[in-house]
Protein backbone atom coordinates (compact mmCIF):
# COMPACT_ATOMS: atom_id res chain seq x y z
CA MET A 1 -35.84 -21.32 -21.82
CA LEU A 2 -37.28 -18.04 -20.53
CA LYS A 3 -34.84 -15.51 -18.88
CA PHE A 4 -36.27 -13.60 -16.01
CA LEU A 5 -35.37 -9.82 -16.31
CA SER A 6 -34.90 -7.65 -13.27
CA THR A 7 -37.91 -5.73 -12.43
CA ASP A 8 -36.03 -3.27 -10.17
CA ASN A 9 -36.34 0.04 -11.86
CA ARG A 10 -35.05 2.09 -9.09
CA GLN A 11 -32.09 4.57 -9.53
CA GLU A 12 -28.89 2.71 -9.02
CA GLU A 13 -28.09 4.78 -5.80
CA GLU A 14 -31.37 3.71 -4.22
CA LYS A 15 -30.54 0.03 -4.53
CA ASP A 16 -28.70 -1.96 -1.72
CA ILE A 17 -26.13 -3.20 -4.06
CA TRP A 18 -24.62 -0.62 -6.41
CA GLU A 19 -23.02 -1.32 -9.84
CA LEU A 20 -20.45 1.44 -10.01
CA ASP A 21 -20.56 1.67 -13.68
CA LYS A 22 -24.31 2.53 -13.62
CA LEU A 23 -24.03 5.33 -11.12
CA GLY A 24 -23.29 7.84 -13.91
CA ILE A 25 -20.61 9.73 -11.95
CA GLU A 26 -16.76 9.76 -12.25
CA PHE A 27 -14.92 8.22 -9.27
CA ARG A 28 -11.28 7.54 -8.61
CA ALA A 29 -10.91 3.87 -9.44
CA ASN A 30 -7.75 1.79 -8.69
CA PRO A 31 -6.51 0.38 -12.10
CA ILE A 32 -4.92 -2.73 -10.45
CA LYS A 33 -7.75 -3.48 -7.85
CA ARG A 34 -10.94 -3.19 -9.69
CA VAL A 35 -14.09 -2.80 -7.80
CA ARG A 36 -17.40 -3.26 -9.58
CA THR A 37 -20.02 -3.07 -6.83
CA LEU A 38 -20.64 -1.53 -3.35
CA ASN A 39 -22.75 -3.52 -0.95
CA PHE A 40 -24.93 -2.00 1.69
CA THR A 41 -26.92 -5.09 2.75
CA LYS A 42 -24.95 -5.77 5.81
CA ILE A 43 -26.11 -2.53 7.37
CA SER A 44 -29.01 -3.88 9.27
CA GLN A 45 -30.79 -0.62 10.31
CA ASP A 46 -32.89 0.49 7.33
CA GLY A 47 -32.67 4.18 8.32
CA ILE A 48 -28.87 4.11 8.69
CA ARG A 49 -28.50 2.16 5.48
CA GLN A 50 -30.36 4.87 3.42
CA GLU A 51 -28.31 7.54 5.15
CA VAL A 52 -25.05 5.82 4.43
CA LYS A 53 -25.91 5.60 0.78
CA LYS A 54 -26.27 9.39 0.55
CA GLY A 55 -22.86 9.83 2.36
CA ILE A 56 -21.08 7.27 0.16
CA TYR A 57 -22.51 8.84 -2.95
CA LEU A 58 -21.17 12.15 -1.96
CA ASN A 59 -17.73 10.86 -0.95
CA LEU A 60 -17.45 8.71 -4.16
CA GLN A 61 -17.10 11.99 -6.16
CA SER A 62 -14.06 13.24 -4.27
CA GLU A 63 -12.34 10.28 -2.58
CA ALA A 64 -10.52 7.17 -3.92
CA ILE A 65 -12.55 4.01 -4.05
CA ALA A 66 -10.23 2.36 -1.54
CA CYS A 67 -11.26 5.04 0.98
CA VAL A 68 -15.00 4.62 0.28
CA ILE A 69 -14.57 0.84 0.89
CA LYS A 70 -12.95 1.45 4.19
CA GLU A 71 -15.88 3.76 5.16
CA LEU A 72 -18.33 1.02 4.36
CA THR A 73 -16.26 -1.39 6.39
CA ALA A 74 -16.24 0.97 9.33
CA VAL A 75 -19.99 1.59 9.28
CA ARG A 76 -20.80 -2.13 8.97
CA ARG A 77 -18.83 -2.66 12.22
CA LEU A 78 -20.74 0.19 13.89
CA SER A 79 -23.99 -1.33 12.59
CA ARG A 80 -23.26 -4.63 14.11
CA TYR A 81 -22.53 -3.07 17.41
CA LEU A 82 -25.71 -0.97 17.37
CA GLU A 83 -27.80 -3.98 16.51
CA GLU A 84 -26.34 -6.01 19.51
CA ARG A 85 -26.08 -3.27 22.07
CA GLN A 86 -28.34 -0.37 21.17
CA PRO A 87 -31.18 -1.70 18.91
CA ASP A 88 -33.30 1.38 19.42
CA ILE A 89 -30.97 3.39 17.26
CA GLN A 90 -32.15 3.13 13.63
CA SER A 91 -31.00 6.57 12.21
CA CYS A 92 -27.77 8.46 12.33
CA LYS A 93 -29.63 11.38 13.84
CA ASP A 94 -29.89 9.31 16.96
CA ILE A 95 -26.04 8.87 17.23
CA SER A 96 -24.95 11.09 20.19
CA ARG A 97 -21.68 11.74 21.73
CA LYS A 98 -22.51 9.31 24.51
CA VAL A 99 -23.21 6.52 21.87
CA VAL A 100 -19.79 7.28 20.31
CA GLU A 101 -18.11 7.05 23.81
CA GLU A 102 -19.76 3.72 24.50
CA TYR A 103 -18.74 2.39 21.08
CA LEU A 104 -15.12 3.47 21.61
CA THR A 105 -15.11 1.69 24.92
CA TYR A 106 -16.48 -1.43 23.17
CA LEU A 107 -13.64 -1.22 20.64
CA LYS A 108 -10.98 -0.97 23.27
CA THR A 109 -12.26 -3.76 25.52
CA GLU A 110 -14.24 -6.28 23.52
CA ALA A 111 -13.64 -6.07 19.69
CA THR A 112 -11.21 -8.79 18.62
CA GLU A 113 -11.59 -8.70 14.86
CA THR A 114 -8.73 -6.09 14.42
CA LYS A 115 -6.02 -4.84 16.75
CA HIS A 116 -5.85 -1.15 15.49
CA PHE A 117 -8.79 1.13 14.83
CA HIS A 118 -7.01 4.29 13.73
CA ALA A 119 -7.99 4.16 10.05
CA ASP A 120 -11.36 2.63 10.91
CA LEU A 121 -12.33 5.53 13.12
CA ASN A 122 -11.04 8.08 10.71
CA ARG A 123 -13.11 6.84 7.87
CA LEU A 124 -16.16 6.46 10.14
CA ARG A 125 -15.80 10.12 11.13
CA CYS A 126 -15.48 11.19 7.55
CA LEU A 127 -18.60 9.25 6.47
CA LEU A 128 -20.77 10.45 9.37
CA GLU A 129 -19.79 14.05 8.72
CA SER A 130 -20.73 13.56 5.08
CA ILE A 131 -24.07 12.13 6.12
CA GLY A 132 -24.47 15.17 8.42
CA GLN A 133 -24.10 17.42 5.51
CA MET A 134 -26.38 15.55 3.19
CA CYS A 135 -29.14 14.88 5.62
CA ASP A 136 -28.78 18.06 7.77
CA TYR A 137 -27.93 16.18 10.90
CA PRO A 138 -25.87 18.75 12.98
CA ASN A 139 -25.23 16.13 15.69
CA LEU A 140 -22.84 14.23 13.34
CA ILE A 141 -20.56 17.30 12.86
CA GLY A 142 -17.63 17.21 15.32
CA LEU A 143 -19.02 14.05 16.86
CA PHE A 144 -15.49 12.58 17.22
CA LEU A 145 -12.73 14.34 19.13
CA THR A 146 -9.01 14.25 18.19
CA ARG A 147 -8.28 12.26 21.30
CA ASP A 148 -10.76 9.54 20.20
CA ILE A 149 -8.60 8.46 17.27
CA PRO A 150 -5.69 6.37 18.54
CA GLN A 151 -2.27 6.85 16.91
CA THR A 152 -1.47 4.31 14.32
CA PRO A 153 1.50 2.12 15.22
CA LYS A 154 4.58 2.62 13.12
CA ALA A 155 5.14 -0.23 10.76
CA ALA A 156 8.46 -1.90 10.74
CA PHE A 157 10.66 -0.71 7.89
CA LYS A 158 11.71 -3.84 6.22
CA THR A 159 13.97 -4.58 3.27
CA TYR A 160 15.63 -7.69 1.64
CA SER A 161 19.23 -8.70 2.10
CA ASP A 162 21.28 -9.12 -1.07
CA GLU A 163 21.17 -12.87 -0.58
CA GLU A 164 17.43 -12.89 -0.06
CA LEU A 165 16.83 -10.99 -3.30
CA LYS A 166 19.12 -13.40 -5.07
CA ARG A 167 17.09 -16.42 -3.98
CA LEU A 168 13.88 -14.72 -5.02
CA ASN A 169 15.09 -13.61 -8.46
CA ARG A 170 16.59 -17.06 -9.11
CA GLU A 171 12.98 -18.40 -9.28
CA ILE A 172 11.22 -15.20 -10.50
CA VAL A 173 13.12 -15.35 -13.78
CA LYS A 174 11.58 -18.89 -14.25
CA LEU A 175 7.95 -17.50 -14.20
CA ASP A 176 6.09 -16.84 -17.40
CA GLU A 177 8.09 -14.34 -19.41
CA GLN A 178 5.85 -11.20 -18.90
CA THR A 179 5.36 -11.70 -15.14
CA ALA A 180 9.16 -12.20 -14.83
CA ARG A 181 9.70 -8.96 -16.73
CA LEU A 182 7.23 -7.12 -14.51
CA MET A 183 8.89 -8.17 -11.22
CA ILE A 184 12.42 -7.37 -12.51
CA ILE A 185 11.26 -4.09 -14.02
CA HIS A 186 9.54 -3.24 -10.73
CA GLN A 187 12.75 -3.91 -8.71
CA MET A 188 14.91 -1.84 -11.10
CA LEU A 189 12.48 1.19 -11.12
CA GLY A 190 11.95 1.18 -7.30
CA THR A 191 8.29 2.18 -7.93
CA ARG A 192 5.09 1.21 -6.14
CA ILE A 193 3.55 -1.86 -7.49
CA SER A 194 0.53 0.22 -8.73
CA ASP A 195 2.92 2.54 -10.62
CA THR A 196 4.71 -0.43 -12.31
CA LEU A 197 1.47 -2.15 -13.28
CA THR A 198 0.09 1.14 -14.84
CA LEU A 199 3.11 2.00 -17.09
CA ALA A 200 1.98 2.97 -20.44
CA PRO A 201 3.36 1.79 -23.79
CA ASP A 202 4.57 5.38 -24.53
CA CYS A 203 6.37 5.83 -21.13
CA LEU A 204 9.76 5.86 -22.73
CA SER A 205 11.46 8.89 -24.38
CA GLU A 206 14.83 10.40 -24.93
CA LYS A 207 16.06 13.79 -23.66
CA ASN A 208 19.63 15.13 -23.98
CA GLY A 209 20.97 11.64 -24.70
CA GLU A 210 19.32 10.11 -21.68
CA ILE A 211 16.52 7.55 -21.78
CA ILE A 212 13.61 8.88 -19.63
CA ILE A 213 10.66 7.08 -18.18
CA ARG A 214 7.34 8.73 -17.25
CA ILE A 215 5.67 7.19 -14.27
CA ARG A 216 2.07 7.97 -13.41
CA GLN A 217 1.92 7.59 -9.72
CA MET A 218 -1.47 6.56 -8.32
CA LYS A 219 -0.87 8.27 -5.05
CA THR A 220 0.63 11.56 -6.16
CA LYS A 221 1.45 13.31 -9.40
CA PRO A 222 3.31 11.80 -12.41
CA TYR A 223 7.21 12.26 -12.60
CA GLU A 224 10.05 11.48 -14.93
CA LYS A 225 13.38 10.06 -14.23
CA PRO A 226 16.41 8.65 -16.26
CA ILE A 227 16.98 4.89 -16.54
CA SER A 228 19.66 2.73 -17.78
CA ALA A 229 19.79 1.35 -21.30
CA GLU A 230 19.55 -2.15 -19.96
CA LEU A 231 16.23 -1.31 -18.08
CA ALA A 232 14.88 0.55 -21.09
CA ALA A 233 15.55 -2.56 -23.30
CA LEU A 234 13.63 -4.78 -20.86
CA ILE A 235 10.69 -2.41 -20.75
CA GLN A 236 10.74 -2.26 -24.54
CA MET A 237 10.56 -6.06 -24.70
CA ALA A 238 7.49 -5.97 -22.43
CA ILE A 239 5.91 -3.35 -24.61
CA ASP A 240 6.53 -5.39 -27.75
CA TYR A 241 5.25 -8.59 -26.19
CA THR A 242 1.92 -6.96 -25.22
CA LYS A 243 1.57 -5.21 -28.65
CA GLU A 244 2.22 -8.43 -30.57
CA LYS A 245 -0.16 -10.46 -28.40
CA TYR A 246 -3.02 -8.00 -27.76
CA GLY A 247 -2.58 -5.07 -30.14
CA ASP A 248 -2.74 -1.46 -28.85
CA THR A 249 -3.51 -1.31 -25.04
CA PRO A 250 -3.41 1.47 -22.48
CA TYR A 251 -0.99 -0.44 -20.25
CA ILE A 252 2.20 -2.54 -20.78
CA PHE A 253 1.04 -5.08 -18.31
CA VAL A 254 -2.54 -6.03 -19.04
CA ASP A 255 -5.30 -8.26 -17.68
CA ASP A 256 -5.40 -11.06 -20.27
CA LYS A 257 -9.12 -11.41 -19.73
CA ASP A 258 -9.72 -7.81 -20.33
CA THR A 259 -6.91 -5.97 -22.01
CA ALA A 260 -8.41 -2.56 -21.56
CA HIS A 261 -7.35 -2.87 -17.84
CA ALA A 262 -4.13 -3.33 -16.11
CA MET A 263 -3.01 -6.58 -14.74
CA PRO A 264 -4.68 -7.05 -11.47
CA TYR A 265 -2.52 -6.95 -8.32
CA THR A 266 -4.21 -10.12 -7.06
CA LYS A 267 -2.95 -12.01 -10.19
CA VAL A 268 0.67 -10.95 -9.52
CA GLN A 269 0.24 -11.86 -5.82
CA TYR A 270 -1.11 -15.33 -6.74
CA ARG A 271 1.69 -16.04 -9.14
CA VAL A 272 4.62 -14.94 -6.87
CA THR A 273 3.06 -16.55 -3.77
CA ALA A 274 2.51 -19.92 -5.47
CA MET A 275 6.22 -19.72 -6.59
CA ILE A 276 7.33 -19.18 -3.07
CA TYR A 277 5.41 -22.16 -1.72
CA ASP A 278 6.24 -24.46 -4.59
CA LYS A 279 10.01 -23.73 -4.29
CA ASP A 280 9.87 -23.43 -0.50
CA LEU A 281 11.65 -20.12 -0.63
CA ARG A 282 12.85 -18.85 2.81
CA ASP A 283 14.37 -15.61 4.17
CA ASP A 284 17.64 -15.41 6.10
CA ASN A 285 15.73 -16.36 9.25
CA GLY A 286 14.46 -19.56 7.79
CA GLU A 287 10.88 -18.26 7.34
CA LEU A 288 8.90 -18.61 4.29
CA PHE A 289 8.92 -15.32 2.32
CA GLY A 290 5.69 -13.25 2.42
CA PHE A 291 4.46 -11.40 -0.56
CA SER A 292 5.29 -7.66 -0.26
CA THR A 293 6.15 -5.90 -3.42
CA HIS A 294 6.78 -2.70 -1.37
CA ILE A 295 9.93 -4.29 0.15
CA TYR A 296 11.53 -4.08 -3.32
CA ARG A 297 11.11 -0.25 -3.16
CA HIS A 298 12.65 -0.16 0.26
CA TYR A 299 15.70 -2.21 -1.15
CA TYR A 300 15.96 0.35 -3.91
CA GLY A 301 15.86 3.24 -1.57
CA VAL A 302 18.41 1.77 0.90
CA LYS A 303 20.77 1.03 -2.04
CA LEU A 304 20.48 4.76 -3.15
CA THR A 305 21.51 5.89 0.31
CA GLU A 306 24.53 3.50 0.19
CA MET A 307 25.65 5.21 -3.00
CA HIS A 308 26.03 8.36 -0.90
CA LEU A 309 23.48 10.40 -3.02
CA ASP A 310 22.01 13.48 -1.40
CA ASP A 311 18.57 13.39 -0.01
CA TRP A 312 16.98 15.47 -2.78
CA THR A 313 18.24 13.20 -5.56
CA ILE A 314 17.01 10.15 -3.66
CA ALA A 315 13.57 11.60 -3.19
CA LYS A 316 13.38 12.48 -6.89
CA LEU A 317 14.40 8.94 -7.99
CA LEU A 318 11.73 7.49 -5.69
CA GLY A 319 9.08 9.93 -6.87
CA HIS A 320 8.66 11.59 -3.41
CA SER A 321 7.65 15.24 -3.38
CA SER A 322 9.75 16.02 -0.46
CA VAL A 323 12.82 14.57 1.36
CA ARG A 324 10.85 13.82 4.49
CA ASN A 325 10.80 10.00 4.04
CA VAL A 326 14.40 9.54 2.93
CA LYS A 327 15.48 9.37 6.60
CA TYR A 328 13.78 5.87 6.89
CA TYR A 329 16.02 4.56 4.10
CA ARG A 330 19.14 6.11 5.60
CA LYS A 331 18.24 4.60 9.04
CA MET A 332 17.89 1.13 7.38
CA SER A 333 21.12 1.56 5.61
CA ASN A 334 22.95 2.39 8.84
CA GLN A 335 21.40 -0.64 10.49
CA LEU A 336 22.52 -2.95 7.70
CA LEU A 337 25.95 -1.35 7.91
CA ALA A 338 26.10 -2.10 11.61
CA ASP A 339 24.94 -5.77 11.04
CA GLU A 340 27.34 -6.48 8.25
CA THR A 341 30.42 -4.87 9.81
CA ARG A 342 29.88 -6.18 13.37
CA LYS A 343 32.55 -8.95 13.13
CA ALA A 344 35.09 -6.69 11.48
CA ARG A 345 34.54 -3.95 14.24
CA GLN A 346 34.88 -6.47 16.97
CA LYS A 347 38.12 -7.77 15.51
CA LEU A 348 39.47 -4.32 15.04
CA SER A 349 38.57 -3.38 18.65
CA ALA A 350 40.36 -6.46 19.89
CA ILE A 351 43.53 -5.65 17.98
CA ILE A 352 43.50 -2.06 19.37
CA LEU A 353 42.88 -3.37 22.92
CA ASN A 354 45.80 -5.78 22.63
CA ASN A 355 48.12 -2.98 21.47
CA LEU A 356 47.31 -1.16 24.73
CA ASP A 357 49.18 -3.71 26.78
CA GLY A 358 51.99 -2.07 28.89
CA TRP A 359 50.68 1.52 28.51
CA GLU A 360 50.09 3.79 31.27
CA ASP A 361 47.51 2.84 34.04
CA GLU A 362 44.64 4.86 32.61
CA TYR A 363 44.97 3.06 29.28
CA GLU A 364 45.28 -0.28 31.07
CA GLN A 365 42.00 0.41 32.79
CA ILE A 366 40.34 1.11 29.51
CA ARG A 367 41.64 -2.25 28.18
CA LYS A 368 40.19 -4.03 31.19
CA ASP A 369 36.94 -2.37 30.98
CA GLY A 370 36.69 -3.06 27.26
CA ARG A 371 35.26 0.31 26.71
CA LEU A 372 37.15 1.11 23.48
């Protein structure tokens, strides 16, 4: 049977679907969320599509692939709007401040596909400015004003209760042995899931009698911290498992279909989510657990604050470059303390109030008001 070979001899960056490995440039890939292609076909205006390719090609060389994907998503949304409302615009050189203002109004009043456009507009602005540089379109520079970008709503800072974590771990340890190790190590390290999944087989060392782990953070620079002998033993078991099964690999937790790469986040997500539904695991409010590996990090941070460590030590153990975010862990710890001690505090208040009986008038008034 004859095989039909592709006759598309264009340079990769000229095509409407790019195979990233064929571009011949280095880009910041995400080891746990592999992206193989970029698709420009949903940008309906031919002129804008060609201009976007130039902007994306430029940004790929300095931005993480996740940012580039968000830029493509943002420009696709703009393309749909222009096709429906302003079909005469076929090139970015025709996008004026007036067009932007009308688009912003549309997003606020009619767009229903997402509630918040903060990240979307930021990435669109970045891409259009890159196109402006590449194509010499001065109209795209400074097209967006600061007030155009809405503030992103603050996400709720959530963590697990001790009982919730026990319920989850009771079933996690029954997963396949390497996934179970991964999830327990992830909890004990307090790292981001990307940092846990990209641990290297040589991550452990010893300094001054302490076992040290080196963590290559995806978001910031690598750092080291001491860990317990128990945690080190668990990590070593994971290292030995992978070496025995797959030989030498760049990561401890690998993709079993391609061991040169880290285990994909989606695979971890599928296994844990399937476990939650299969075992009908519910939180303290009776709702099914969602899948959020970052909540384990919150739990780790909160427990550090409850150990009365100083902010700098907590930041170092979490891999933060400053103490700025430690306040969120302290705030959550204070809330937990308030919730867990409410009954005890109410009982203590009642005892004190009862002991005020027969005191002077001013104390009697306090008792009646219940203001103590």
